[in-house]
Every structure is written in C-alpha cells, then in structure tokens.
Amino acid sequence: MEDMIMPCGDNCAYCPLHSARTDAELQRAAELWYKMGTFDTVLSVEEIKCDGCADRTACEIKKCIERHGVGKCNRCAEFPCSEIEDMLQKVEDNKTKYKEFCTDSEYALFCKAFFEKEANLKKL
C-alpha cells in the first residue's frame, strides 16, 4: 500500500475511514470512532466516509500551515510548535484507549495511520 501522508503526519492510506471499501466497514469504523469518543454519535456511512484529510477545511493543522504559508508542518520555521507537541501528546494518550476498543487488526491500522505521526512529520 502506498503511503498518503497528510500535513499533520497521519497516513490516510491506513486509516479505516479512508481505506474502507464497503458500507459494513464504514459502519464498523463509525461505531468504533463513537466508542472511542471521537464523535458524540454514531455517524452515518455517508457522514463518515472520507476521501482524505487534505480536503477537510476544518482541520486545525491545515489552517495553521496555511497561516504560515507552508505546505507541511516540518517546513515551518516554528516546527515543532506547541500545536504539534499537543497533537503528539494526544496521540500518546489515545494509544491505550484505542487498544481497548479495537481488534488487533484494527489497532495495527491505527498504528500505521495515526501513531507514527512524529516519524511521518520528520520525513515529509
């Protein structure tokens, strides 16, 4: 699978929302995101389907890189900034919670999609 690393360091190629191929996979992802507290309700398949974070205008990291006039975080003079450090801390804090709710295969995807942010940010 070819990497799809976003400006924040997420690798969308492994994200269960982006890589889902069936409605059943998307429904499982919607239920999982709800259980983990990402959303306050189980989103519908249409709401949760994702074509990549790069297209999401609400993303704070995307807004930040646009304000700084860079394409990726590691190209910013302030990198690593407090926003990146806070994001990386949230990732660390969530690892245990995700492990509670995920199957082993789901957790492996989460690791590749979200828990390698720091390394992905450095190689962008």
N, C-alpha and C. Protein backbone atom coordinates (compact mmCIF):
# COMPACT_ATOMS: atom_id res chain seq x y z
N MET A 1 0.85 -1.17 0.00
CA MET A 1 0.00 0.00 0.00
C MET A 1 0.90 1.24 0.00
N GLU A 2 0.58 2.18 -0.86
CA GLU A 2 1.37 3.41 -0.95
C GLU A 2 0.94 4.40 0.13
N ASP A 3 1.90 5.00 0.81
CA ASP A 3 1.61 5.97 1.86
C ASP A 3 0.87 7.18 1.30
N MET A 4 0.00 7.76 2.13
CA MET A 4 -0.70 9.02 1.85
C MET A 4 -0.54 9.88 3.10
N ILE A 5 0.63 10.47 3.26
CA ILE A 5 0.91 11.21 4.48
C ILE A 5 0.40 12.63 4.35
N MET A 6 -0.41 13.01 5.31
CA MET A 6 -1.01 14.33 5.35
C MET A 6 -0.09 15.32 6.08
N PRO A 7 -0.37 16.60 5.98
CA PRO A 7 0.48 17.61 6.63
C PRO A 7 0.66 17.40 8.13
N CYS A 8 -0.32 16.79 8.80
CA CYS A 8 -0.24 16.57 10.25
C CYS A 8 0.54 15.31 10.60
N GLY A 9 0.91 14.51 9.61
CA GLY A 9 1.63 13.27 9.87
C GLY A 9 0.77 12.02 9.82
N ASP A 10 -0.54 12.17 9.70
CA ASP A 10 -1.41 11.00 9.55
C ASP A 10 -1.12 10.34 8.22
N ASN A 11 -1.26 9.02 8.17
CA ASN A 11 -1.09 8.28 6.93
C ASN A 11 -2.45 7.73 6.53
N CYS A 12 -3.15 8.47 5.69
CA CYS A 12 -4.52 8.13 5.32
C CYS A 12 -4.64 6.78 4.62
N ALA A 13 -3.57 6.29 4.03
CA ALA A 13 -3.63 5.01 3.34
C ALA A 13 -4.06 3.89 4.29
N TYR A 14 -3.78 4.05 5.58
CA TYR A 14 -4.11 3.01 6.56
C TYR A 14 -5.31 3.37 7.44
N CYS A 15 -5.85 4.53 7.27
CA CYS A 15 -7.00 4.97 8.09
C CYS A 15 -8.22 4.13 7.75
N PRO A 16 -8.89 3.56 8.75
CA PRO A 16 -10.08 2.75 8.50
C PRO A 16 -11.20 3.52 7.78
N LEU A 17 -11.25 4.82 7.93
CA LEU A 17 -12.27 5.59 7.24
C LEU A 17 -11.94 5.74 5.76
N HIS A 18 -10.69 6.00 5.48
CA HIS A 18 -10.28 6.21 4.10
C HIS A 18 -10.14 4.89 3.33
N SER A 19 -9.69 3.85 4.00
CA SER A 19 -9.43 2.58 3.32
C SER A 19 -10.65 1.66 3.25
N ALA A 20 -11.74 2.02 3.91
CA ALA A 20 -12.94 1.17 3.89
C ALA A 20 -13.45 1.01 2.46
N ARG A 21 -13.81 -0.19 2.11
CA ARG A 21 -14.29 -0.48 0.76
C ARG A 21 -15.78 -0.82 0.72
N THR A 22 -16.36 -1.11 1.87
CA THR A 22 -17.78 -1.47 1.91
C THR A 22 -18.49 -0.61 2.96
N ASP A 23 -19.80 -0.55 2.83
CA ASP A 23 -20.60 0.16 3.83
C ASP A 23 -20.46 -0.50 5.20
N ALA A 24 -20.32 -1.81 5.22
CA ALA A 24 -20.17 -2.52 6.50
C ALA A 24 -18.87 -2.10 7.20
N GLU A 25 -17.79 -1.94 6.43
CA GLU A 25 -16.52 -1.48 7.01
C GLU A 25 -16.66 -0.05 7.53
N LEU A 26 -17.34 0.80 6.78
CA LEU A 26 -17.56 2.18 7.24
C LEU A 26 -18.44 2.21 8.48
N GLN A 27 -19.46 1.37 8.54
CA GLN A 27 -20.33 1.32 9.71
C GLN A 27 -19.55 0.88 10.94
N ARG A 28 -18.69 -0.12 10.78
CA ARG A 28 -17.84 -0.58 11.89
C ARG A 28 -16.93 0.56 12.35
N ALA A 29 -16.36 1.30 11.40
CA ALA A 29 -15.50 2.43 11.74
C ALA A 29 -16.30 3.51 12.46
N ALA A 30 -17.51 3.79 12.02
CA ALA A 30 -18.35 4.81 12.66
C ALA A 30 -18.64 4.41 14.11
N GLU A 31 -18.95 3.15 14.33
CA GLU A 31 -19.22 2.66 15.69
C GLU A 31 -17.96 2.72 16.55
N LEU A 32 -16.83 2.38 15.96
CA LEU A 32 -15.56 2.41 16.68
C LEU A 32 -15.19 3.84 17.07
N TRP A 33 -15.31 4.78 16.16
CA TRP A 33 -14.99 6.18 16.46
C TRP A 33 -15.91 6.72 17.57
N TYR A 34 -17.17 6.30 17.55
CA TYR A 34 -18.10 6.70 18.62
C TYR A 34 -17.66 6.12 19.96
N LYS A 35 -17.35 4.84 20.01
CA LYS A 35 -16.93 4.20 21.26
C LYS A 35 -15.67 4.85 21.82
N MET A 36 -14.78 5.29 20.94
CA MET A 36 -13.53 5.90 21.38
C MET A 36 -13.72 7.37 21.77
N GLY A 37 -14.91 7.91 21.52
CA GLY A 37 -15.19 9.28 21.92
C GLY A 37 -14.82 10.34 20.90
N THR A 38 -14.50 9.93 19.68
CA THR A 38 -14.16 10.88 18.63
C THR A 38 -15.37 11.69 18.22
N PHE A 39 -16.52 11.04 18.13
CA PHE A 39 -17.77 11.68 17.79
C PHE A 39 -18.78 11.42 18.89
N ASP A 40 -19.75 12.32 19.07
CA ASP A 40 -20.72 12.14 20.15
C ASP A 40 -21.94 11.33 19.72
N THR A 41 -21.93 10.84 18.50
CA THR A 41 -22.97 9.98 17.99
C THR A 41 -22.36 9.07 16.93
N VAL A 42 -23.04 7.98 16.61
CA VAL A 42 -22.57 7.12 15.52
C VAL A 42 -22.98 7.78 14.22
N LEU A 43 -21.99 8.20 13.46
CA LEU A 43 -22.26 8.87 12.19
C LEU A 43 -22.74 7.87 11.15
N SER A 44 -23.50 8.37 10.20
CA SER A 44 -23.96 7.51 9.11
C SER A 44 -22.78 7.21 8.19
N VAL A 45 -22.95 6.22 7.36
CA VAL A 45 -21.91 5.84 6.40
C VAL A 45 -21.56 7.04 5.51
N GLU A 46 -22.58 7.79 5.09
CA GLU A 46 -22.34 8.95 4.23
C GLU A 46 -21.55 10.04 4.96
N GLU A 47 -21.84 10.23 6.24
CA GLU A 47 -21.15 11.27 7.02
C GLU A 47 -19.70 10.92 7.33
N ILE A 48 -19.42 9.65 7.52
CA ILE A 48 -18.09 9.26 7.99
C ILE A 48 -17.13 8.92 6.84
N LYS A 49 -17.67 8.67 5.66
CA LYS A 49 -16.81 8.33 4.52
C LYS A 49 -15.81 9.46 4.29
N CYS A 50 -14.57 9.10 4.04
CA CYS A 50 -13.51 10.09 3.94
C CYS A 50 -12.69 9.88 2.67
N ASP A 51 -12.40 10.97 2.00
CA ASP A 51 -11.54 10.92 0.82
C ASP A 51 -10.16 11.50 1.12
N GLY A 52 -9.87 11.71 2.39
CA GLY A 52 -8.56 12.22 2.77
C GLY A 52 -8.66 13.52 3.54
N CYS A 53 -7.88 13.63 4.57
CA CYS A 53 -7.92 14.79 5.43
C CYS A 53 -7.51 16.08 4.73
N ALA A 54 -6.76 15.97 3.67
CA ALA A 54 -6.28 17.16 2.97
C ALA A 54 -7.44 18.01 2.46
N ASP A 55 -8.60 17.39 2.27
CA ASP A 55 -9.75 18.12 1.77
C ASP A 55 -10.63 18.69 2.88
N ARG A 56 -10.30 18.42 4.11
CA ARG A 56 -11.14 18.87 5.24
C ARG A 56 -10.71 20.26 5.67
N THR A 57 -11.57 21.23 5.44
CA THR A 57 -11.21 22.62 5.72
C THR A 57 -11.23 22.94 7.20
N ALA A 58 -11.86 22.12 8.03
CA ALA A 58 -11.95 22.40 9.46
C ALA A 58 -10.70 21.99 10.22
N CYS A 59 -9.81 21.28 9.59
CA CYS A 59 -8.61 20.77 10.26
C CYS A 59 -7.74 21.93 10.75
N GLU A 60 -7.44 21.91 12.03
CA GLU A 60 -6.63 22.99 12.63
C GLU A 60 -5.21 22.99 12.09
N ILE A 61 -4.66 21.83 11.82
CA ILE A 61 -3.30 21.76 11.26
C ILE A 61 -3.29 22.38 9.87
N LYS A 62 -4.31 22.07 9.07
CA LYS A 62 -4.39 22.63 7.72
C LYS A 62 -4.48 24.16 7.80
N LYS A 63 -5.30 24.66 8.71
CA LYS A 63 -5.41 26.12 8.89
C LYS A 63 -4.07 26.72 9.30
N CYS A 64 -3.36 26.03 10.16
CA CYS A 64 -2.08 26.53 10.66
C CYS A 64 -1.04 26.60 9.54
N ILE A 65 -0.93 25.55 8.73
CA ILE A 65 0.07 25.60 7.66
C ILE A 65 -0.28 26.65 6.62
N GLU A 66 -1.57 26.88 6.43
CA GLU A 66 -1.98 27.94 5.50
C GLU A 66 -1.60 29.31 6.06
N ARG A 67 -1.80 29.52 7.37
CA ARG A 67 -1.42 30.80 8.01
C ARG A 67 0.08 31.05 7.89
N HIS A 68 0.86 29.98 7.99
CA HIS A 68 2.31 30.11 7.94
C HIS A 68 2.87 30.03 6.53
N GLY A 69 2.02 29.78 5.55
CA GLY A 69 2.45 29.75 4.16
C GLY A 69 3.38 28.60 3.81
N VAL A 70 3.17 27.45 4.46
CA VAL A 70 3.97 26.27 4.17
C VAL A 70 3.03 25.13 3.76
N GLY A 71 3.55 24.16 3.06
CA GLY A 71 2.73 23.04 2.63
C GLY A 71 2.62 21.94 3.67
N LYS A 72 3.64 21.86 4.52
CA LYS A 72 3.67 20.80 5.53
C LYS A 72 4.31 21.34 6.80
N CYS A 73 3.95 20.75 7.91
CA CYS A 73 4.40 21.25 9.21
C CYS A 73 5.92 21.33 9.33
N ASN A 74 6.63 20.34 8.83
CA ASN A 74 8.08 20.33 9.03
C ASN A 74 8.80 21.37 8.18
N ARG A 75 8.07 22.07 7.34
CA ARG A 75 8.66 23.16 6.55
C ARG A 75 8.49 24.51 7.22
N CYS A 76 7.86 24.51 8.37
CA CYS A 76 7.59 25.75 9.11
C CYS A 76 8.77 26.08 10.02
N ALA A 77 9.09 27.35 10.11
CA ALA A 77 10.20 27.80 10.97
C ALA A 77 9.92 27.50 12.45
N GLU A 78 8.66 27.36 12.82
CA GLU A 78 8.29 27.10 14.21
C GLU A 78 8.20 25.61 14.55
N PHE A 79 8.45 24.74 13.58
CA PHE A 79 8.35 23.29 13.81
C PHE A 79 9.50 22.80 14.68
N PRO A 80 9.23 21.99 15.69
CA PRO A 80 7.91 21.57 16.17
C PRO A 80 7.34 22.61 17.13
N CYS A 81 6.13 23.00 16.88
CA CYS A 81 5.48 24.03 17.70
C CYS A 81 4.64 23.37 18.79
N SER A 82 4.04 24.20 19.63
CA SER A 82 3.22 23.67 20.72
C SER A 82 1.99 22.93 20.18
N GLU A 83 1.48 23.36 19.04
CA GLU A 83 0.32 22.67 18.46
C GLU A 83 0.70 21.24 18.06
N ILE A 84 1.87 21.07 17.47
CA ILE A 84 2.35 19.73 17.10
C ILE A 84 2.62 18.92 18.36
N GLU A 85 3.28 19.53 19.33
CA GLU A 85 3.57 18.81 20.57
C GLU A 85 2.30 18.37 21.27
N ASP A 86 1.27 19.23 21.30
CA ASP A 86 -0.02 18.86 21.89
C ASP A 86 -0.66 17.70 21.12
N MET A 87 -0.61 17.77 19.79
CA MET A 87 -1.18 16.72 18.96
C MET A 87 -0.47 15.39 19.22
N LEU A 88 0.85 15.42 19.29
CA LEU A 88 1.60 14.19 19.55
C LEU A 88 1.31 13.63 20.94
N GLN A 89 1.09 14.51 21.91
CA GLN A 89 0.73 14.05 23.25
C GLN A 89 -0.64 13.39 23.25
N LYS A 90 -1.60 13.95 22.50
CA LYS A 90 -2.93 13.35 22.40
C LYS A 90 -2.84 11.96 21.78
N VAL A 91 -1.97 11.81 20.79
CA VAL A 91 -1.77 10.50 20.17
C VAL A 91 -1.29 9.51 21.23
N GLU A 92 -0.29 9.90 22.00
CA GLU A 92 0.21 9.01 23.07
C GLU A 92 -0.88 8.67 24.06
N ASP A 93 -1.66 9.68 24.45
CA ASP A 93 -2.74 9.47 25.41
C ASP A 93 -3.81 8.52 24.87
N ASN A 94 -4.02 8.52 23.56
CA ASN A 94 -5.09 7.72 22.96
C ASN A 94 -4.69 6.28 22.66
N LYS A 95 -3.42 5.97 22.65
CA LYS A 95 -3.00 4.62 22.28
C LYS A 95 -3.67 3.55 23.13
N THR A 96 -3.71 3.75 24.43
CA THR A 96 -4.32 2.76 25.33
C THR A 96 -5.82 2.67 25.08
N LYS A 97 -6.47 3.82 24.92
CA LYS A 97 -7.92 3.83 24.70
C LYS A 97 -8.26 3.11 23.40
N TYR A 98 -7.50 3.35 22.35
CA TYR A 98 -7.76 2.71 21.08
C TYR A 98 -7.59 1.19 21.20
N LYS A 99 -6.58 0.78 21.94
CA LYS A 99 -6.32 -0.65 22.12
C LYS A 99 -7.51 -1.34 22.79
N GLU A 100 -8.19 -0.65 23.69
CA GLU A 100 -9.36 -1.20 24.39
C GLU A 100 -10.49 -1.53 23.44
N PHE A 101 -10.69 -0.70 22.43
CA PHE A 101 -11.87 -0.82 21.58
C PHE A 101 -11.62 -1.50 20.24
N CYS A 102 -10.37 -1.65 19.86
CA CYS A 102 -10.03 -2.19 18.54
C CYS A 102 -9.66 -3.67 18.59
N THR A 103 -9.94 -4.33 17.48
CA THR A 103 -9.39 -5.67 17.31
C THR A 103 -7.89 -5.49 17.04
N ASP A 104 -7.15 -6.57 17.07
CA ASP A 104 -5.71 -6.47 16.79
C ASP A 104 -5.44 -5.90 15.40
N SER A 105 -6.22 -6.33 14.41
CA SER A 105 -6.00 -5.83 13.04
C SER A 105 -6.39 -4.36 12.93
N GLU A 106 -7.47 -3.95 13.60
CA GLU A 106 -7.84 -2.52 13.60
C GLU A 106 -6.77 -1.69 14.27
N TYR A 107 -6.25 -2.17 15.38
CA TYR A 107 -5.22 -1.44 16.10
C TYR A 107 -3.95 -1.30 15.25
N ALA A 108 -3.62 -2.35 14.51
CA ALA A 108 -2.45 -2.28 13.62
C ALA A 108 -2.64 -1.18 12.58
N LEU A 109 -3.86 -1.05 12.06
CA LEU A 109 -4.14 0.03 11.11
C LEU A 109 -4.02 1.39 11.78
N PHE A 110 -4.56 1.52 12.99
CA PHE A 110 -4.46 2.78 13.73
C PHE A 110 -3.00 3.16 13.96
N CYS A 111 -2.19 2.16 14.28
CA CYS A 111 -0.76 2.44 14.50
C CYS A 111 -0.14 3.05 13.25
N LYS A 112 -0.37 2.42 12.10
CA LYS A 112 0.20 2.91 10.85
C LYS A 112 -0.44 4.23 10.43
N ALA A 113 -1.73 4.39 10.69
CA ALA A 113 -2.44 5.60 10.25
C ALA A 113 -2.15 6.80 11.14
N PHE A 114 -2.12 6.60 12.46
CA PHE A 114 -2.11 7.74 13.37
C PHE A 114 -0.95 7.78 14.37
N PHE A 115 -0.38 6.63 14.71
CA PHE A 115 0.60 6.60 15.80
C PHE A 115 2.04 6.76 15.33
N GLU A 116 2.24 6.94 14.05
CA GLU A 116 3.58 7.17 13.51
C GLU A 116 3.75 8.62 13.05
N LYS A 117 2.89 9.50 13.58
CA LYS A 117 2.88 10.91 13.18
C LYS A 117 4.26 11.56 13.26
N GLU A 118 4.91 11.37 14.38
CA GLU A 118 6.19 12.06 14.58
C GLU A 118 7.20 11.67 13.51
N ALA A 119 7.33 10.39 13.25
CA ALA A 119 8.26 9.94 12.22
C ALA A 119 7.81 10.43 10.84
N ASN A 120 6.51 10.38 10.59
CA ASN A 120 5.99 10.86 9.29
C ASN A 120 6.23 12.35 9.11
N LEU A 121 6.06 13.12 10.17
CA LEU A 121 6.30 14.57 10.09
C LEU A 121 7.75 14.88 9.75
N LYS A 122 8.65 14.11 10.24
CA LYS A 122 10.06 14.36 10.01
C LYS A 122 10.50 13.99 8.60
N LYS A 123 9.78 13.08 7.95
CA LYS A 123 10.21 12.65 6.62
C LYS A 123 9.44 13.28 5.47
N LEU A 124 8.48 14.12 5.80
CA LEU A 124 7.68 14.75 4.73
C LEU A 124 8.52 15.62 3.83
